[in-house]
Amino acid sequence: MGAGLPPESEVLAAARAVLERHGTVVSQSRFVDLVRLRIRAGQDAVRLGPHRLRRLMAQAGFCAMEVRTRRSASQRPLSRCPVCRGPLDEVRNRTLFGGEVALTRRCRRCPYWTGEARRVPVLYVFHYAA
């Protein structure tokens, strides 16, 4: 039998159970493994990728996601959030001469933000927020 793609409700229930038990999971790959094990208890094989789980956790009310980043040399502007693929909003400020300048870009869905120096996610920390 082939690997199945679990529905979002099943993934969210398994992720909630994992976070209730562990409280905090410091690695995205560890979190994916724990959630897969929880879902796999009733099935043979489960397909669950880290990007899908991270996107679901960014929108879940029971998970507080922390994104640790590093600076990147790339100056290419971002149009979508690298964490959850959500839209980025510019935070603008007025100058003394009446113009506007973009200070940062913030995601609407998750805690990711970047400034003039582009920030690249390197570590995800998942906390249970009841």
Protein backbone atom coordinates (compact mmCIF):
# COMPACT_ATOMS: atom_id res chain seq x y z
CA MET A 1 0.00 0.00 0.00
CA GLY A 2 1.36 3.46 -0.91
CA ALA A 3 2.04 6.31 1.44
CA GLY A 4 -0.98 8.47 2.15
CA LEU A 5 -1.29 12.22 2.58
CA PRO A 6 -3.08 12.77 5.91
CA PRO A 7 -5.83 15.41 6.11
CA GLU A 8 -5.06 18.72 7.84
CA SER A 9 -7.32 17.91 10.78
CA GLU A 10 -5.36 14.72 11.50
CA VAL A 11 -2.02 16.53 11.24
CA LEU A 12 -3.21 19.30 13.57
CA ALA A 13 -4.52 16.79 16.12
CA ALA A 14 -1.23 14.87 16.09
CA ALA A 15 0.84 18.06 16.34
CA ARG A 16 -1.25 19.27 19.26
CA ALA A 17 -0.77 15.94 21.07
CA VAL A 18 2.99 16.09 20.49
CA LEU A 19 3.24 19.67 21.76
CA GLU A 20 1.06 18.91 24.79
CA ARG A 21 3.40 16.06 25.70
CA HIS A 22 6.74 17.75 24.98
CA GLY A 23 5.89 21.42 25.57
CA THR A 24 8.66 22.67 23.28
CA VAL A 25 10.31 21.06 20.28
CA VAL A 26 13.52 22.79 19.20
CA SER A 27 13.96 21.37 15.70
CA GLN A 28 11.67 21.27 12.70
CA SER A 29 12.96 17.86 11.62
CA ARG A 30 12.46 16.45 15.13
CA PHE A 31 8.94 17.87 15.24
CA VAL A 32 8.08 16.35 11.85
CA ASP A 33 9.40 12.96 13.01
CA LEU A 34 7.33 13.10 16.22
CA VAL A 35 4.16 14.06 14.36
CA ARG A 36 4.73 11.34 11.75
CA LEU A 37 5.13 8.75 14.51
CA ARG A 38 1.91 9.94 16.15
CA ILE A 39 -0.04 9.70 12.85
CA ARG A 40 1.64 6.46 11.81
CA ALA A 41 0.23 4.68 14.87
CA GLY A 42 -2.92 3.92 12.91
CA GLN A 43 -1.49 3.71 9.39
CA ASP A 44 1.34 2.01 7.52
CA ALA A 45 3.02 4.94 5.78
CA VAL A 46 2.39 8.67 6.01
CA ARG A 47 3.61 11.49 3.79
CA LEU A 48 4.16 14.67 5.77
CA GLY A 49 6.73 17.23 4.71
CA PRO A 50 8.34 19.87 6.90
CA HIS A 51 7.02 22.75 4.75
CA ARG A 52 3.41 21.60 5.11
CA LEU A 53 3.69 21.11 8.86
CA ARG A 54 5.41 24.48 9.34
CA ARG A 55 2.70 26.22 7.29
CA LEU A 56 -0.04 24.58 9.36
CA MET A 57 1.69 25.47 12.64
CA ALA A 58 2.02 29.11 11.59
CA GLN A 59 -1.78 29.29 11.44
CA ALA A 60 -2.60 27.01 14.39
CA GLY A 61 -3.80 28.75 17.52
CA PHE A 62 -2.20 26.25 19.90
CA CYS A 63 1.36 26.67 18.58
CA ALA A 64 3.69 29.59 19.18
CA MET A 65 6.39 29.32 16.57
CA GLU A 66 9.78 30.96 17.05
CA VAL A 67 11.94 31.58 13.98
CA ARG A 68 15.67 32.05 14.50
CA THR A 69 17.47 33.63 11.59
CA ARG A 70 20.86 34.69 10.27
CA ARG A 71 21.78 37.54 7.98
CA SER A 72 22.23 36.86 4.30
CA ALA A 73 24.36 38.69 1.76
CA SER A 74 21.54 38.51 -0.81
CA GLN A 75 19.82 41.84 -1.48
CA ARG A 76 17.06 40.30 -3.59
CA PRO A 77 13.68 41.51 -2.28
CA LEU A 78 11.24 38.93 -0.97
CA SER A 79 7.67 38.77 -2.20
CA ARG A 80 6.55 35.85 0.00
CA CYS A 81 7.44 34.72 3.48
CA PRO A 82 10.10 31.96 3.45
CA VAL A 83 8.52 30.37 6.55
CA CYS A 84 4.83 30.01 5.66
CA ARG A 85 4.62 31.38 2.08
CA GLY A 86 2.28 34.15 3.28
CA PRO A 87 2.32 37.74 2.00
CA LEU A 88 4.87 40.19 3.41
CA ASP A 89 3.77 43.70 4.38
CA GLU A 90 6.16 46.62 4.26
CA VAL A 91 6.52 48.70 7.39
CA ARG A 92 7.15 52.21 6.15
CA ASN A 93 8.26 55.41 7.84
CA ARG A 94 8.21 59.04 6.75
CA THR A 95 11.47 60.88 6.26
CA LEU A 96 12.15 64.43 7.40
CA PHE A 97 11.71 65.63 3.82
CA GLY A 98 8.23 64.14 3.35
CA GLY A 99 9.21 60.96 1.53
CA GLU A 100 8.71 57.39 2.66
CA VAL A 101 11.20 54.61 3.26
CA ALA A 102 10.58 50.91 3.87
CA LEU A 103 12.08 49.84 7.19
CA THR A 104 11.11 46.18 7.43
CA ARG A 105 8.89 43.54 5.88
CA ARG A 106 6.67 41.47 8.19
CA CYS A 107 4.61 38.37 7.55
CA ARG A 108 0.88 38.51 8.31
CA ARG A 109 0.68 34.86 9.41
CA CYS A 110 3.86 34.02 11.30
CA PRO A 111 6.55 35.82 13.35
CA TYR A 112 9.02 36.19 10.43
CA TRP A 113 10.35 39.64 9.61
CA THR A 114 13.30 40.99 7.66
CA GLY A 115 14.97 44.35 7.37
CA GLU A 116 17.38 45.90 4.91
CA ALA A 117 19.79 43.02 5.56
CA ARG A 118 17.86 39.95 4.50
CA ARG A 119 17.23 37.37 7.22
CA VAL A 120 17.22 33.66 6.40
CA PRO A 121 15.47 31.17 8.73
CA VAL A 122 17.87 28.60 10.19
CA LEU A 123 16.02 27.14 13.20
CA TYR A 124 12.37 26.70 14.10
CA VAL A 125 11.22 26.29 17.69
CA PHE A 126 7.65 25.13 18.34
CA HIS A 127 6.03 25.92 21.72
CA TYR A 128 2.70 24.72 23.05
CA ALA A 129 0.49 27.74 23.69
CA ALA A 130 -2.77 26.52 25.21
